[in-house]
Amino acid sequence: MNRQNVGVIVVFLILGVLVAARAFVGDGMGRVYTRLDPVEMVRIDRPVLDATLVETETETQTQTTESVWVRSDSDQARDFATASSQTVAWNRSEPVTPAEAFAAFESGETAGIRLDWPRTIGLWVAAFFTLAIFSFLYKDNPFYKVAESVVVGVSAAYWMVVGFWDMIVPNLLGNLAPGFVQATFLPGLDAASPQWAYLIPATFGVLLLTRLLPKGQWLSLWTLAFIVGTTAALRMVAYIEGDFLSQINATVQPVYQVVTDADGGVDGYATFWASLRQLTLLIGVLACLTYFFFSVEHKGAVGGVARLGIWFLMITFGAAFGFTVMGRIALLAARFEFLFDDWLWLIDPTNQRVVASAVGLLG
């Protein structure tokens, strides 16, 4: 271990000691409180407004009721529940503000409010990974590498699970074996007849897995070529319809844009600015096209128009870059708010905690 890594570890240890000391000052920090809310659901048969026909293998019946789950303390449960109705009960945790928790603990009437250890541990883990990612501002270090690896691994696992349950199970298996999927995975699936055309994407999916084999990797090229070609075609069509044709449609609009008011008369102020906006759009499009027209040397009038096109392009690129930077700044501000508000309890912009919890540290 070199000297720089030792320095990073020492800095993290010092921060750890300071955070531990902060945790025992005043009301502490980084805690999540919840209230246990017992919920009891009952299954009832309530009447439906429009009777529907239900076809079975033997006869056709008129369905006048529907079976649904409702809370046992609801009006529908009192009206339609019977002694033999099926019930299910569990405890649901609802987040409460620290101020509510502190007031309940001081009065002795907790009403099911407790410190939620799983969510509290998750809050501290999130704070650790946030600081580990920020540590890259100093240099590459083991803490950043661990956080980076965890983010990549968790993201890959999450999207794999989402893809399996949202794509493979309902769309692929649900069309090839609808009865099995309905009985095993998705009870709410409409079990229709199998759609054997879905064997084609299933085959492409299996061929894509041959990329992991030592030999026969060339079989996956068929799937990759299909994916690349289809994606390029879909993106091209979407780009033409969403950008190219929209730009042409906006450009060929009349320069004089008439805006009427509520009485049907012409609003001169709004008409002037709408027409100026349309004229600016037309001049910008023509100037940019002139800049990219390289068959004529950019001199004289053509050169002036081309330089005007450069101004339009630079303003557009600058605005896009500024929008991107502001988005990243918003994310950075959200992480700082998480650290100072949710974790360290140094600020309280939403008044979720008593003022003494923040004053105790400052004093």
Protein backbone atom coordinates (compact mmCIF):
# COMPACT_ATOMS: atom_id res chain seq x y z
CA MET A 1 0.00 0.00 0.00
CA ASN A 2 1.56 3.29 -1.08
CA ARG A 3 1.60 6.55 0.83
CA GLN A 4 -1.30 8.10 -1.13
CA ASN A 5 -3.64 5.22 -0.35
CA VAL A 6 -2.68 5.44 3.31
CA GLY A 7 -3.52 9.15 3.24
CA VAL A 8 -6.96 8.46 1.75
CA ILE A 9 -7.68 5.81 4.39
CA VAL A 10 -6.58 8.16 7.18
CA VAL A 11 -8.87 10.90 5.84
CA PHE A 12 -11.82 8.49 5.77
CA LEU A 13 -11.04 7.35 9.31
CA ILE A 14 -10.99 10.95 10.54
CA LEU A 15 -14.30 11.60 8.81
CA GLY A 16 -15.66 8.41 10.37
CA VAL A 17 -14.68 9.58 13.85
CA LEU A 18 -16.29 13.00 13.28
CA VAL A 19 -19.49 11.40 11.97
CA ALA A 20 -19.59 9.00 14.93
CA ALA A 21 -19.21 11.95 17.32
CA ARG A 22 -21.97 13.80 15.47
CA ALA A 23 -24.27 10.80 15.84
CA PHE A 24 -24.24 11.16 19.63
CA VAL A 25 -24.73 14.97 19.76
CA GLY A 26 -28.24 16.16 20.45
CA ASP A 27 -30.83 14.04 18.69
CA GLY A 28 -28.22 12.30 16.61
CA MET A 29 -28.35 12.00 12.84
CA GLY A 30 -29.22 9.71 9.99
CA ARG A 31 -32.20 7.94 11.49
CA VAL A 32 -35.41 6.78 9.83
CA TYR A 33 -38.55 6.39 11.91
CA THR A 34 -41.66 4.52 10.84
CA ARG A 35 -45.06 3.74 12.30
CA LEU A 36 -46.47 0.23 12.19
CA ASP A 37 -49.86 0.36 10.56
CA PRO A 38 -51.72 -2.96 10.89
CA VAL A 39 -53.71 -3.59 7.74
CA GLU A 40 -56.42 -6.20 7.36
CA MET A 41 -57.89 -6.97 3.95
CA VAL A 42 -61.03 -8.96 3.34
CA ARG A 43 -62.22 -10.59 0.14
CA ILE A 44 -65.79 -9.66 -0.75
CA ASP A 45 -68.22 -10.28 -3.57
CA ARG A 46 -69.66 -6.90 -4.50
CA PRO A 47 -72.27 -6.30 -7.21
CA VAL A 48 -71.24 -4.85 -10.52
CA LEU A 49 -73.05 -2.05 -12.28
CA ASP A 50 -73.12 -3.73 -15.70
CA ALA A 51 -73.71 -7.46 -15.70
CA THR A 52 -71.29 -9.36 -17.96
CA LEU A 53 -71.60 -12.69 -19.67
CA VAL A 54 -69.16 -15.42 -18.65
CA GLU A 55 -68.82 -18.33 -21.06
CA THR A 56 -67.79 -21.70 -19.63
CA GLU A 57 -67.37 -25.07 -21.29
CA THR A 58 -70.93 -26.11 -20.45
CA GLU A 59 -73.07 -22.98 -20.27
CA THR A 60 -73.20 -19.21 -20.42
CA GLN A 61 -73.85 -17.40 -17.12
CA THR A 62 -74.52 -13.80 -16.21
CA GLN A 63 -71.96 -12.41 -13.77
CA THR A 64 -73.56 -9.90 -11.41
CA THR A 65 -70.82 -9.76 -8.74
CA GLU A 66 -67.06 -9.41 -8.68
CA SER A 67 -64.58 -10.68 -6.12
CA VAL A 68 -62.20 -7.97 -4.83
CA TRP A 69 -59.94 -7.28 -1.83
CA VAL A 70 -60.83 -4.26 0.34
CA ARG A 71 -59.78 -2.98 3.76
CA SER A 72 -61.74 -4.57 6.56
CA ASP A 73 -62.64 -1.15 8.01
CA SER A 74 -64.08 0.18 4.74
CA ASP A 75 -67.75 0.70 4.00
CA GLN A 76 -67.73 -2.02 1.33
CA ALA A 77 -66.38 -4.55 3.84
CA ARG A 78 -69.12 -3.71 6.33
CA ASP A 79 -71.78 -4.03 3.63
CA PHE A 80 -70.68 -7.17 1.79
CA ALA A 81 -68.30 -9.12 4.08
CA THR A 82 -69.59 -12.27 5.72
CA ALA A 83 -68.34 -14.53 8.48
CA SER A 84 -66.82 -16.88 5.91
CA SER A 85 -65.02 -14.16 3.96
CA GLN A 86 -61.28 -14.68 3.52
CA THR A 87 -59.08 -12.20 5.41
CA VAL A 88 -55.37 -11.36 5.30
CA ALA A 89 -53.53 -9.19 7.86
CA TRP A 90 -50.03 -7.71 7.95
CA ASN A 91 -48.12 -4.74 9.36
CA ARG A 92 -47.34 -1.90 6.98
CA SER A 93 -44.58 0.56 7.84
CA GLU A 94 -45.35 4.22 7.12
CA PRO A 95 -42.50 6.77 7.35
CA VAL A 96 -42.92 9.50 9.96
CA THR A 97 -40.91 12.67 10.41
CA PRO A 98 -38.28 12.79 13.18
CA ALA A 99 -40.27 15.62 14.80
CA GLU A 100 -43.27 13.31 15.19
CA ALA A 101 -41.04 10.57 16.55
CA PHE A 102 -39.35 12.89 19.07
CA ALA A 103 -42.71 14.21 20.27
CA ALA A 104 -44.06 10.68 20.65
CA PHE A 105 -40.99 9.50 22.58
CA GLU A 106 -41.11 12.50 24.95
CA SER A 107 -44.80 11.99 25.67
CA GLY A 108 -44.46 8.23 26.04
CA GLU A 109 -47.27 7.57 23.55
CA THR A 110 -45.30 6.06 20.69
CA ALA A 111 -48.39 4.66 18.89
CA GLY A 112 -46.27 2.11 17.03
CA ILE A 113 -43.49 4.57 16.10
CA ARG A 114 -40.08 2.93 16.10
CA LEU A 115 -36.60 3.30 14.69
CA ASP A 116 -36.54 1.44 11.40
CA TRP A 117 -33.15 -0.26 11.39
CA PRO A 118 -33.22 -1.62 7.79
CA ARG A 119 -34.01 1.81 6.34
CA THR A 120 -31.54 3.51 8.66
CA ILE A 121 -28.77 1.14 7.59
CA GLY A 122 -29.71 1.76 3.97
CA LEU A 123 -29.46 5.52 4.56
CA TRP A 124 -25.94 5.17 5.97
CA VAL A 125 -24.88 2.87 3.13
CA ALA A 126 -26.16 5.43 0.61
CA ALA A 127 -24.18 8.17 2.39
CA PHE A 128 -21.02 6.04 2.35
CA PHE A 129 -21.29 5.35 -1.37
CA THR A 130 -21.99 9.03 -2.07
CA LEU A 131 -18.81 10.06 -0.23
CA ALA A 132 -16.89 7.23 -1.91
CA ILE A 133 -17.86 8.53 -5.35
CA PHE A 134 -16.96 12.09 -4.31
CA SER A 135 -13.53 10.85 -3.23
CA PHE A 136 -12.58 10.51 -6.89
CA LEU A 137 -12.29 14.30 -6.96
CA TYR A 138 -9.07 13.82 -5.02
CA LYS A 139 -7.74 10.79 -6.92
CA ASP A 140 -8.55 7.22 -7.82
CA ASN A 141 -8.71 5.19 -4.59
CA PRO A 142 -10.00 1.86 -3.26
CA PHE A 143 -13.21 3.38 -1.87
CA TYR A 144 -14.15 4.78 -5.27
CA LYS A 145 -13.35 1.48 -6.95
CA VAL A 146 -15.57 -0.42 -4.52
CA ALA A 147 -18.44 2.05 -5.03
CA GLU A 148 -18.02 1.93 -8.80
CA SER A 149 -18.02 -1.86 -8.86
CA VAL A 150 -21.10 -2.04 -6.64
CA VAL A 151 -23.01 0.46 -8.80
CA VAL A 152 -22.17 -1.41 -12.00
CA GLY A 153 -22.96 -4.81 -10.50
CA VAL A 154 -26.22 -3.78 -8.86
CA SER A 155 -27.36 -1.95 -12.02
CA ALA A 156 -26.62 -4.97 -14.21
CA ALA A 157 -28.42 -7.31 -11.80
CA TYR A 158 -31.39 -4.97 -11.46
CA TRP A 159 -31.91 -4.57 -15.19
CA MET A 160 -31.46 -8.29 -15.70
CA VAL A 161 -34.27 -9.01 -13.22
CA VAL A 162 -36.46 -6.26 -14.72
CA GLY A 163 -35.86 -7.60 -18.21
CA PHE A 164 -36.71 -11.13 -17.10
CA TRP A 165 -39.99 -10.28 -15.38
CA ASP A 166 -41.12 -7.47 -17.69
CA MET A 167 -40.01 -8.86 -21.05
CA ILE A 168 -39.14 -12.55 -21.06
CA VAL A 169 -41.88 -13.87 -18.76
CA PRO A 170 -44.95 -11.90 -20.00
CA ASN A 171 -43.95 -11.29 -23.64
CA LEU A 172 -42.01 -14.43 -24.59
CA LEU A 173 -43.01 -17.23 -22.22
CA GLY A 174 -46.48 -15.75 -21.81
CA ASN A 175 -47.08 -16.18 -25.56
CA LEU A 176 -45.38 -19.55 -25.95
CA ALA A 177 -46.80 -21.22 -22.81
CA PRO A 178 -49.58 -18.96 -21.49
CA GLY A 179 -51.18 -21.61 -19.29
CA PHE A 180 -47.93 -22.46 -17.52
CA VAL A 181 -47.02 -18.80 -17.00
CA GLN A 182 -50.48 -18.00 -15.64
CA ALA A 183 -50.38 -20.91 -13.18
CA THR A 184 -46.77 -20.36 -12.09
CA PHE A 185 -45.74 -16.70 -12.44
CA LEU A 186 -48.55 -14.30 -13.42
CA PRO A 187 -52.05 -15.24 -12.21
CA GLY A 188 -53.50 -12.17 -13.91
CA LEU A 189 -52.21 -13.14 -17.36
CA ASP A 190 -54.81 -13.72 -20.04
CA ALA A 191 -54.12 -17.36 -20.92
CA ALA A 192 -54.86 -17.42 -24.64
CA SER A 193 -53.67 -19.97 -27.17
CA PRO A 194 -49.88 -20.21 -27.73
CA GLN A 195 -48.39 -17.88 -30.34
CA TRP A 196 -45.76 -20.02 -32.09
CA ALA A 197 -44.42 -17.04 -34.05
CA TYR A 198 -42.57 -16.07 -30.87
CA LEU A 199 -40.22 -19.00 -31.45
CA ILE A 200 -38.33 -16.70 -33.83
CA PRO A 201 -37.27 -14.14 -31.15
CA ALA A 202 -36.63 -17.05 -28.76
CA THR A 203 -34.23 -18.54 -31.30
CA PHE A 204 -32.47 -15.20 -31.73
CA GLY A 205 -32.13 -14.93 -27.96
CA VAL A 206 -30.56 -18.38 -27.68
CA LEU A 207 -28.17 -17.57 -30.53
CA LEU A 208 -27.10 -14.42 -28.69
CA LEU A 209 -26.06 -16.54 -25.69
CA THR A 210 -23.58 -18.42 -27.88
CA ARG A 211 -21.38 -15.34 -27.47
CA LEU A 212 -20.38 -16.85 -24.11
CA LEU A 213 -19.19 -20.16 -25.62
CA PRO A 214 -15.53 -20.79 -26.45
CA LYS A 215 -16.51 -21.97 -29.93
CA GLY A 216 -19.45 -21.08 -32.12
CA GLN A 217 -19.43 -17.39 -31.25
CA TRP A 218 -20.13 -16.60 -34.90
CA LEU A 219 -23.72 -17.76 -34.37
CA SER A 220 -24.38 -14.71 -32.20
CA LEU A 221 -23.53 -12.44 -35.15
CA TRP A 222 -26.92 -13.21 -36.70
CA THR A 223 -28.70 -11.81 -33.65
CA LEU A 224 -26.35 -8.84 -33.36
CA ALA A 225 -26.82 -7.98 -37.04
CA PHE A 226 -30.60 -8.17 -36.64
CA ILE A 227 -30.52 -5.96 -33.52
CA VAL A 228 -28.21 -3.36 -35.08
CA GLY A 229 -30.13 -3.23 -38.37
CA THR A 230 -33.56 -3.05 -36.74
CA THR A 231 -32.47 -0.44 -34.21
CA ALA A 232 -30.88 1.73 -36.91
CA ALA A 233 -34.01 1.57 -39.04
CA LEU A 234 -36.35 2.40 -36.14
CA ARG A 235 -34.14 5.26 -34.97
CA MET A 236 -33.91 6.62 -38.51
CA VAL A 237 -37.68 6.61 -38.93
CA ALA A 238 -38.15 8.20 -35.49
CA TYR A 239 -35.53 10.85 -36.28
CA ILE A 240 -37.13 11.69 -39.63
CA GLU A 241 -40.60 11.98 -38.14
CA GLY A 242 -39.62 13.65 -34.86
CA ASP A 243 -36.85 16.03 -35.97
CA PHE A 244 -36.45 16.32 -39.72
CA LEU A 245 -40.10 16.61 -40.77
CA SER A 246 -40.92 18.70 -37.69
CA GLN A 247 -38.13 21.13 -38.58
CA ILE A 248 -39.39 21.39 -42.16
CA ASN A 249 -42.97 21.90 -41.00
CA ALA A 250 -41.92 24.66 -38.59
CA THR A 251 -39.78 26.36 -41.24
CA VAL A 252 -42.40 26.51 -44.02
CA GLN A 253 -44.95 28.22 -41.79
CA PRO A 254 -45.95 31.78 -42.83
CA VAL A 255 -43.66 34.45 -41.46
CA TYR A 256 -46.62 36.59 -40.47
CA GLN A 257 -48.21 34.74 -37.55
CA VAL A 258 -51.62 36.09 -36.61
CA VAL A 259 -52.57 35.64 -32.94
CA THR A 260 -56.17 36.36 -31.93
CA ASP A 261 -57.42 37.26 -28.47
CA ALA A 262 -60.44 35.93 -26.62
CA ASP A 263 -62.78 38.33 -28.47
CA GLY A 264 -61.62 37.15 -31.90
CA GLY A 265 -59.62 40.28 -32.68
CA VAL A 266 -55.93 40.41 -33.64
CA ASP A 267 -53.57 40.69 -30.68
CA GLY A 268 -50.90 43.02 -32.08
CA TYR A 269 -48.35 42.42 -29.31
CA ALA A 270 -48.53 38.63 -29.49
CA THR A 271 -48.65 38.73 -33.31
CA PHE A 272 -45.47 40.80 -33.45
CA TRP A 273 -43.46 38.42 -31.24
CA ALA A 274 -44.83 35.31 -32.93
CA SER A 275 -43.90 36.69 -36.35
CA LEU A 276 -40.45 37.71 -35.09
CA ARG A 277 -39.92 34.21 -33.71
CA GLN A 278 -40.90 32.65 -37.05
CA LEU A 279 -38.64 35.05 -38.97
CA THR A 280 -35.71 34.22 -36.67
CA LEU A 281 -36.32 30.51 -37.19
CA LEU A 282 -36.37 30.93 -40.98
CA ILE A 283 -33.18 33.03 -41.02
CA GLY A 284 -31.42 30.57 -38.68
CA VAL A 285 -32.28 27.53 -40.81
CA LEU A 286 -31.17 29.20 -44.06
CA ALA A 287 -27.96 30.54 -42.47
CA CYS A 288 -27.02 27.12 -41.03
CA LEU A 289 -27.73 25.40 -44.34
CA THR A 290 -25.53 27.97 -46.08
CA TYR A 291 -22.67 27.24 -43.69
CA PHE A 292 -22.81 23.52 -44.56
CA PHE A 293 -23.03 24.24 -48.31
CA PHE A 294 -19.40 23.74 -49.34
CA SER A 295 -19.84 23.81 -53.14
CA VAL A 296 -19.54 27.62 -53.07
CA GLU A 297 -16.62 29.41 -51.49
CA HIS A 298 -17.61 31.26 -48.34
CA LYS A 299 -16.83 34.78 -49.52
CA GLY A 300 -18.87 37.93 -49.90
CA ALA A 301 -22.56 37.61 -49.16
CA VAL A 302 -22.35 33.80 -48.88
CA GLY A 303 -19.55 34.13 -46.34
CA GLY A 304 -21.55 36.63 -44.29
CA VAL A 305 -24.57 34.34 -44.22
CA ALA A 306 -22.32 31.41 -43.32
CA ARG A 307 -20.80 33.37 -40.41
CA LEU A 308 -24.33 34.14 -39.23
CA GLY A 309 -25.01 30.39 -39.35
CA ILE A 310 -21.97 29.83 -37.12
CA TRP A 311 -23.50 32.20 -34.57
CA PHE A 312 -26.77 30.25 -34.61
CA LEU A 313 -24.90 26.96 -34.24
CA MET A 314 -22.75 28.20 -31.36
CA ILE A 315 -25.78 29.61 -29.53
CA THR A 316 -27.59 26.29 -29.99
CA PHE A 317 -24.63 24.21 -28.81
CA GLY A 318 -24.05 26.56 -25.88
CA ALA A 319 -27.68 26.37 -24.79
CA ALA A 320 -27.64 22.57 -25.05
CA PHE A 321 -24.41 22.36 -23.07
CA GLY A 322 -25.74 24.76 -20.44
CA PHE A 323 -28.92 22.71 -20.12
CA THR A 324 -26.84 19.56 -19.62
CA VAL A 325 -24.62 21.25 -17.04
CA MET A 326 -27.64 22.57 -15.13
CA GLY A 327 -29.06 19.05 -15.05
CA ARG A 328 -25.83 17.74 -13.54
CA ILE A 329 -25.74 20.65 -11.08
CA ALA A 330 -29.27 19.74 -10.00
CA LEU A 331 -28.15 16.16 -9.34
CA LEU A 332 -25.16 17.43 -7.36
CA ALA A 333 -27.39 19.71 -5.30
CA ALA A 334 -29.71 16.79 -4.59
CA ARG A 335 -26.81 14.71 -3.28
CA PHE A 336 -25.59 17.56 -1.06
CA GLU A 337 -29.14 18.00 0.25
CA PHE A 338 -29.25 14.28 1.00
CA LEU A 339 -25.97 14.43 2.91
CA PHE A 340 -26.71 17.57 4.95
CA ASP A 341 -30.45 17.03 5.47
CA ASP A 342 -31.32 13.33 5.45
CA TRP A 343 -28.01 12.06 6.82
CA LEU A 344 -26.16 14.69 8.89
CA TRP A 345 -29.28 16.62 9.99
CA LEU A 346 -27.41 19.92 9.67
CA ILE A 347 -30.18 21.63 7.71
CA ASP A 348 -33.92 21.27 7.85
CA PRO A 349 -35.50 22.97 4.81
CA THR A 350 -38.82 21.11 5.14
CA ASN A 351 -39.13 21.45 8.95
CA GLN A 352 -39.20 17.71 9.54
CA ARG A 353 -37.16 17.88 12.76
CA VAL A 354 -37.15 20.01 15.88
CA VAL A 355 -34.93 23.05 15.70
CA ALA A 356 -32.90 21.88 18.70
CA SER A 357 -31.49 18.98 16.71
CA ALA A 358 -29.68 21.39 14.40
CA VAL A 359 -28.89 24.05 17.01
CA GLY A 360 -27.30 21.50 19.34
CA LEU A 361 -24.45 20.89 16.89
CA LEU A 362 -23.91 24.54 16.01
CA GLY A 363 -23.80 25.55 19.65
